[in-house]
Amino acid sequence: MIEHFFMCPHCWQEISMLLDPAYSQVYVEDCEVCCNPIELKVTFFDGEMSDFEAREIGQ
């Protein structure tokens, strides 16, 4: 697992998530600060993160 820091698209606070570099993922997680849902799209290639997107749901 790797820890990745990013800005919440709702409240703009820095938060972190633990990500599994074994595979790419798309899922919804609530912000730990404002509790709004965030759609996360994470892509890994050869164990390295190649793309990360965090966006508001429905946008």
PDB file of N, CA and C in Angstrom:
ATOM      1  N   MET A   1       0.842  -1.180   0.000  1.00  0.00           N
ATOM      2  CA  MET A   1       0.000   0.000   0.000  1.00  0.00           C
ATOM      3  C   MET A   1       0.886   1.242   0.000  1.00  0.00           C
ATOM      4  N   ILE A   2       0.419   2.255  -0.727  1.00  0.00           N
ATOM      5  CA  ILE A   2       1.119   3.534  -0.723  1.00  0.00           C
ATOM      6  C   ILE A   2       0.147   4.615  -0.273  1.00  0.00           C
ATOM      7  N   GLU A   3       0.667   5.618   0.413  1.00  0.00           N
ATOM      8  CA  GLU A   3      -0.156   6.741   0.839  1.00  0.00           C
ATOM      9  C   GLU A   3      -0.025   7.843  -0.203  1.00  0.00           C
ATOM     10  N   HIS A   4      -1.189   8.351  -0.651  1.00  0.00           N
ATOM     11  CA  HIS A   4      -1.200   9.407  -1.654  1.00  0.00           C
ATOM     12  C   HIS A   4      -1.973  10.602  -1.104  1.00  0.00           C
ATOM     13  N   PHE A   5      -1.393  11.784  -1.179  1.00  0.00           N
ATOM     14  CA  PHE A   5      -2.023  13.014  -0.704  1.00  0.00           C
ATOM     15  C   PHE A   5      -2.604  13.781  -1.889  1.00  0.00           C
ATOM     16  N   PHE A   6      -3.801  14.367  -1.685  1.00  0.00           N
ATOM     17  CA  PHE A   6      -4.444  15.158  -2.740  1.00  0.00           C
ATOM     18  C   PHE A   6      -5.425  16.129  -2.106  1.00  0.00           C
ATOM     19  N   MET A   7      -5.935  17.061  -2.911  1.00  0.00           N
ATOM     20  CA  MET A   7      -6.887  18.058  -2.443  1.00  0.00           C
ATOM     21  C   MET A   7      -8.310  17.578  -2.707  1.00  0.00           C
ATOM     22  N   CYS A   8      -9.175  17.706  -1.703  1.00  0.00           N
ATOM     23  CA  CYS A   8     -10.593  17.371  -1.862  1.00  0.00           C
ATOM     24  C   CYS A   8     -11.209  18.367  -2.847  1.00  0.00           C
ATOM     25  N   PRO A   9     -11.961  17.898  -3.851  1.00  0.00           N
ATOM     26  CA  PRO A   9     -12.585  18.814  -4.817  1.00  0.00           C
ATOM     27  C   PRO A   9     -13.779  19.580  -4.237  1.00  0.00           C
ATOM     28  N   HIS A  10     -14.189  19.255  -3.026  1.00  0.00           N
ATOM     29  CA  HIS A  10     -15.305  19.946  -2.369  1.00  0.00           C
ATOM     30  C   HIS A  10     -14.801  21.045  -1.430  1.00  0.00           C
ATOM     31  N   CYS A  11     -13.948  20.686  -0.471  1.00  0.00           N
ATOM     32  CA  CYS A  11     -13.522  21.630   0.574  1.00  0.00           C
ATOM     33  C   CYS A  11     -12.080  22.123   0.395  1.00  0.00           C
ATOM     34  N   TRP A  12     -11.339  21.567  -0.546  1.00  0.00           N
ATOM     35  CA  TRP A  12      -9.965  21.947  -0.893  1.00  0.00           C
ATOM     36  C   TRP A  12      -8.964  21.714   0.240  1.00  0.00           C
ATOM     37  N   GLN A  13      -9.311  20.834   1.163  1.00  0.00           N
ATOM     38  CA  GLN A  13      -8.364  20.444   2.207  1.00  0.00           C
ATOM     39  C   GLN A  13      -7.515  19.276   1.709  1.00  0.00           C
ATOM     40  N   GLU A  14      -6.270  19.219   2.151  1.00  0.00           N
ATOM     41  CA  GLU A  14      -5.413  18.097   1.776  1.00  0.00           C
ATOM     42  C   GLU A  14      -5.817  16.871   2.585  1.00  0.00           C
ATOM     43  N   ILE A  15      -6.066  15.771   1.895  1.00  0.00           N
ATOM     44  CA  ILE A  15      -6.384  14.500   2.540  1.00  0.00           C
ATOM     45  C   ILE A  15      -5.483  13.426   1.944  1.00  0.00           C
ATOM     46  N   SER A  16      -5.499  12.262   2.559  1.00  0.00           N
ATOM     47  CA  SER A  16      -4.672  11.174   2.045  1.00  0.00           C
ATOM     48  C   SER A  16      -5.482   9.895   1.981  1.00  0.00           C
ATOM     49  N   MET A  17      -5.074   9.021   1.092  1.00  0.00           N
ATOM     50  CA  MET A  17      -5.699   7.708   0.932  1.00  0.00           C
ATOM     51  C   MET A  17      -4.591   6.672   0.792  1.00  0.00           C
ATOM     52  N   LEU A  18      -4.862   5.467   1.280  1.00  0.00           N
ATOM     53  CA  LEU A  18      -3.966   4.348   1.050  1.00  0.00           C
ATOM     54  C   LEU A  18      -4.424   3.633  -0.212  1.00  0.00           C
ATOM     55  N   LEU A  19      -3.517   3.444  -1.144  1.00  0.00           N
ATOM     56  CA  LEU A  19      -3.828   2.842  -2.438  1.00  0.00           C
ATOM     57  C   LEU A  19      -3.000   1.574  -2.646  1.00  0.00           C
ATOM     58  N   ASP A  20      -3.609   0.600  -3.285  1.00  0.00           N
ATOM     59  CA  ASP A  20      -2.937  -0.665  -3.582  1.00  0.00           C
ATOM     60  C   ASP A  20      -2.345  -0.574  -4.985  1.00  0.00           C
ATOM     61  N   PRO A  21      -1.017  -0.557  -5.120  1.00  0.00           N
ATOM     62  CA  PRO A  21      -0.394  -0.421  -6.436  1.00  0.00           C
ATOM     63  C   PRO A  21      -0.469  -1.675  -7.296  1.00  0.00           C
ATOM     64  N   ALA A  22      -1.123  -2.722  -6.815  1.00  0.00           N
ATOM     65  CA  ALA A  22      -1.213  -3.969  -7.584  1.00  0.00           C
ATOM     66  C   ALA A  22      -2.174  -3.848  -8.761  1.00  0.00           C
ATOM     67  N   TYR A  23      -3.127  -2.893  -8.679  1.00  0.00           N
ATOM     68  CA  TYR A  23      -4.093  -2.771  -9.776  1.00  0.00           C
ATOM     69  C   TYR A  23      -4.707  -1.377  -9.814  1.00  0.00           C
ATOM     70  N   SER A  24      -5.238  -0.988 -10.983  1.00  0.00           N
ATOM     71  CA  SER A  24      -5.926   0.284 -11.148  1.00  0.00           C
ATOM     72  C   SER A  24      -7.306   0.191 -10.516  1.00  0.00           C
ATOM     73  N   GLN A  25      -7.844   1.348 -10.090  1.00  0.00           N
ATOM     74  CA  GLN A  25      -9.086   1.361  -9.346  1.00  0.00           C
ATOM     75  C   GLN A  25      -9.952   2.550  -9.722  1.00  0.00           C
ATOM     76  N   VAL A  26     -11.274   2.370  -9.654  1.00  0.00           N
ATOM     77  CA  VAL A  26     -12.243   3.449  -9.734  1.00  0.00           C
ATOM     78  C   VAL A  26     -13.244   3.183  -8.616  1.00  0.00           C
ATOM     79  N   TYR A  27     -13.383   4.142  -7.705  1.00  0.00           N
ATOM     80  CA  TYR A  27     -14.317   3.945  -6.600  1.00  0.00           C
ATOM     81  C   TYR A  27     -14.695   5.283  -5.987  1.00  0.00           C
ATOM     82  N   VAL A  28     -15.674   5.262  -5.095  1.00  0.00           N
ATOM     83  CA  VAL A  28     -16.149   6.459  -4.407  1.00  0.00           C
ATOM     84  C   VAL A  28     -15.757   6.347  -2.935  1.00  0.00           C
ATOM     85  N   GLU A  29     -15.206   7.436  -2.420  1.00  0.00           N
ATOM     86  CA  GLU A  29     -14.783   7.505  -1.024  1.00  0.00           C
ATOM     87  C   GLU A  29     -15.221   8.869  -0.487  1.00  0.00           C
ATOM     88  N   ASP A  30     -15.676   8.917   0.768  1.00  0.00           N
ATOM     89  CA  ASP A  30     -16.052  10.191   1.382  1.00  0.00           C
ATOM     90  C   ASP A  30     -14.811  10.916   1.881  1.00  0.00           C
ATOM     91  N   CYS A  31     -14.819  12.247   1.722  1.00  0.00           N
ATOM     92  CA  CYS A  31     -13.730  13.078   2.247  1.00  0.00           C
ATOM     93  C   CYS A  31     -13.712  12.946   3.761  1.00  0.00           C
ATOM     94  N   GLU A  32     -12.523  12.788   4.332  1.00  0.00           N
ATOM     95  CA  GLU A  32     -12.397  12.648   5.780  1.00  0.00           C
ATOM     96  C   GLU A  32     -12.597  13.973   6.509  1.00  0.00           C
ATOM     97  N   VAL A  33     -12.620  15.096   5.780  1.00  0.00           N
ATOM     98  CA  VAL A  33     -12.818  16.409   6.390  1.00  0.00           C
ATOM     99  C   VAL A  33     -14.276  16.865   6.267  1.00  0.00           C
ATOM    100  N   CYS A  34     -14.812  16.910   5.031  1.00  0.00           N
ATOM    101  CA  CYS A  34     -16.162  17.453   4.808  1.00  0.00           C
ATOM    102  C   CYS A  34     -17.226  16.378   4.578  1.00  0.00           C
ATOM    103  N   CYS A  35     -16.822  15.136   4.451  1.00  0.00           N
ATOM    104  CA  CYS A  35     -17.717  13.972   4.289  1.00  0.00           C
ATOM    105  C   CYS A  35     -18.462  13.923   2.961  1.00  0.00           C
ATOM    106  N   ASN A  36     -18.120  14.759   2.003  1.00  0.00           N
ATOM    107  CA  ASN A  36     -18.732  14.688   0.669  1.00  0.00           C
ATOM    108  C   ASN A  36     -18.085  13.570  -0.144  1.00  0.00           C
ATOM    109  N   PRO A  37     -18.854  12.951  -1.055  1.00  0.00           N
ATOM    110  CA  PRO A  37     -18.307  11.849  -1.850  1.00  0.00           C
ATOM    111  C   PRO A  37     -17.348  12.336  -2.947  1.00  0.00           C
ATOM    112  N   ILE A  38     -16.289  11.573  -3.126  1.00  0.00           N
ATOM    113  CA  ILE A  38     -15.275  11.865  -4.147  1.00  0.00           C
ATOM    114  C   ILE A  38     -15.106  10.629  -5.019  1.00  0.00           C
ATOM    115  N   GLU A  39     -15.178  10.809  -6.334  1.00  0.00           N
ATOM    116  CA  GLU A  39     -14.892   9.701  -7.248  1.00  0.00           C
ATOM    117  C   GLU A  39     -13.391   9.691  -7.508  1.00  0.00           C
ATOM    118  N   LEU A  40     -12.767   8.567  -7.223  1.00  0.00           N
ATOM    119  CA  LEU A  40     -11.325   8.413  -7.398  1.00  0.00           C
ATOM    120  C   LEU A  40     -11.047   7.469  -8.553  1.00  0.00           C
ATOM    121  N   LYS A  41     -10.187   7.901  -9.464  1.00  0.00           N
ATOM    122  CA  LYS A  41      -9.715   7.055 -10.558  1.00  0.00           C
ATOM    123  C   LYS A  41      -8.201   6.998 -10.446  1.00  0.00           C
ATOM    124  N   VAL A  42      -7.690   5.800 -10.208  1.00  0.00           N
ATOM    125  CA  VAL A  42      -6.256   5.611  -9.992  1.00  0.00           C
ATOM    126  C   VAL A  42      -5.749   4.569 -10.985  1.00  0.00           C
ATOM    127  N   THR A  43      -4.684   4.906 -11.685  1.00  0.00           N
ATOM    128  CA  THR A  43      -4.086   3.986 -12.645  1.00  0.00           C
ATOM    129  C   THR A  43      -2.637   3.728 -12.253  1.00  0.00           C
ATOM    130  N   PHE A  44      -2.282   2.449 -12.209  1.00  0.00           N
ATOM    131  CA  PHE A  44      -0.908   2.048 -11.921  1.00  0.00           C
ATOM    132  C   PHE A  44      -0.342   1.306 -13.125  1.00  0.00           C
ATOM    133  N   PHE A  45       0.939   1.486 -13.375  1.00  0.00           N
ATOM    134  CA  PHE A  45       1.644   0.764 -14.428  1.00  0.00           C
ATOM    135  C   PHE A  45       2.966   0.301 -13.833  1.00  0.00           C
ATOM    136  N   ASP A  46       3.197  -1.008 -13.841  1.00  0.00           N
ATOM    137  CA  ASP A  46       4.411  -1.597 -13.260  1.00  0.00           C
ATOM    138  C   ASP A  46       4.630  -1.160 -11.813  1.00  0.00           C
ATOM    139  N   GLY A  47       3.539  -1.088 -11.035  1.00  0.00           N
ATOM    140  CA  GLY A  47       3.640  -0.746  -9.634  1.00  0.00           C
ATOM    141  C   GLY A  47       3.800   0.729  -9.327  1.00  0.00           C
ATOM    142  N   GLU A  48       3.825   1.576 -10.360  1.00  0.00           N
ATOM    143  CA  GLU A  48       3.965   3.019 -10.186  1.00  0.00           C
ATOM    144  C   GLU A  48       2.670   3.711 -10.608  1.00  0.00           C
ATOM    145  N   MET A  49       2.255   4.733  -9.845  1.00  0.00           N
ATOM    146  CA  MET A  49       1.052   5.477 -10.209  1.00  0.00           C
ATOM    147  C   MET A  49       1.306   6.271 -11.479  1.00  0.00           C
ATOM    148  N   SER A  50       0.479   6.054 -12.501  1.00  0.00           N
ATOM    149  CA  SER A  50       0.638   6.786 -13.751  1.00  0.00           C
ATOM    150  C   SER A  50      -0.446   7.838 -13.930  1.00  0.00           C
ATOM    151  N   ASP A  51      -1.571   7.725 -13.195  1.00  0.00           N
ATOM    152  CA  ASP A  51      -2.638   8.718 -13.296  1.00  0.00           C
ATOM    153  C   ASP A  51      -3.470   8.688 -12.022  1.00  0.00           C
ATOM    154  N   PHE A  52      -3.908   9.873 -11.589  1.00  0.00           N
ATOM    155  CA  PHE A  52      -4.768   9.986 -10.408  1.00  0.00           C
ATOM    156  C   PHE A  52      -5.743  11.124 -10.660  1.00  0.00           C
ATOM    157  N   GLU A  53      -7.025  10.863 -10.430  1.00  0.00           N
ATOM    158  CA  GLU A  53      -8.039  11.885 -10.578  1.00  0.00           C
ATOM    159  C   GLU A  53      -9.015  11.781  -9.409  1.00  0.00           C
ATOM    160  N   ALA A  54      -9.289  12.910  -8.779  1.00  0.00           N
ATOM    161  CA  ALA A  54     -10.282  12.991  -7.697  1.00  0.00           C
ATOM    162  C   ALA A  54     -11.273  14.072  -8.097  1.00  0.00           C
ATOM    163  N   ARG A  55     -12.556  13.689  -8.230  1.00  0.00           N
ATOM    164  CA  ARG A  55     -13.525  14.692  -8.663  1.00  0.00           C
ATOM    165  C   ARG A  55     -14.844  14.533  -7.928  1.00  0.00           C
ATOM    166  N   GLU A  56     -15.605  15.615  -7.955  1.00  0.00           N
ATOM    167  CA  GLU A  56     -16.932  15.602  -7.351  1.00  0.00           C
ATOM    168  C   GLU A  56     -17.812  14.643  -8.136  1.00  0.00           C
ATOM    169  N   ILE A  57     -18.728  13.990  -7.469  1.00  0.00           N
ATOM    170  CA  ILE A  57     -19.664  13.088  -8.125  1.00  0.00           C
ATOM    171  C   ILE A  57     -20.606  13.912  -8.997  1.00  0.00           C
ATOM    172  N   GLY A  58     -20.873  13.413 -10.220  1.00  0.00           N
ATOM    173  CA  GLY A  58     -21.800  14.075 -11.127  1.00  0.00           C
ATOM    174  C   GLY A  58     -21.210  15.205 -11.939  1.00  0.00           C
ATOM    175  N   GLN A  59     -19.880  15.367 -11.919  1.00  0.00           N
ATOM    176  CA  GLN A  59     -19.271  16.426 -12.685  1.00  0.00           C
ATOM    177  C   GLN A  59     -18.366  15.870 -13.757  1.00  0.00           C
TER     178      GLN A  59
END
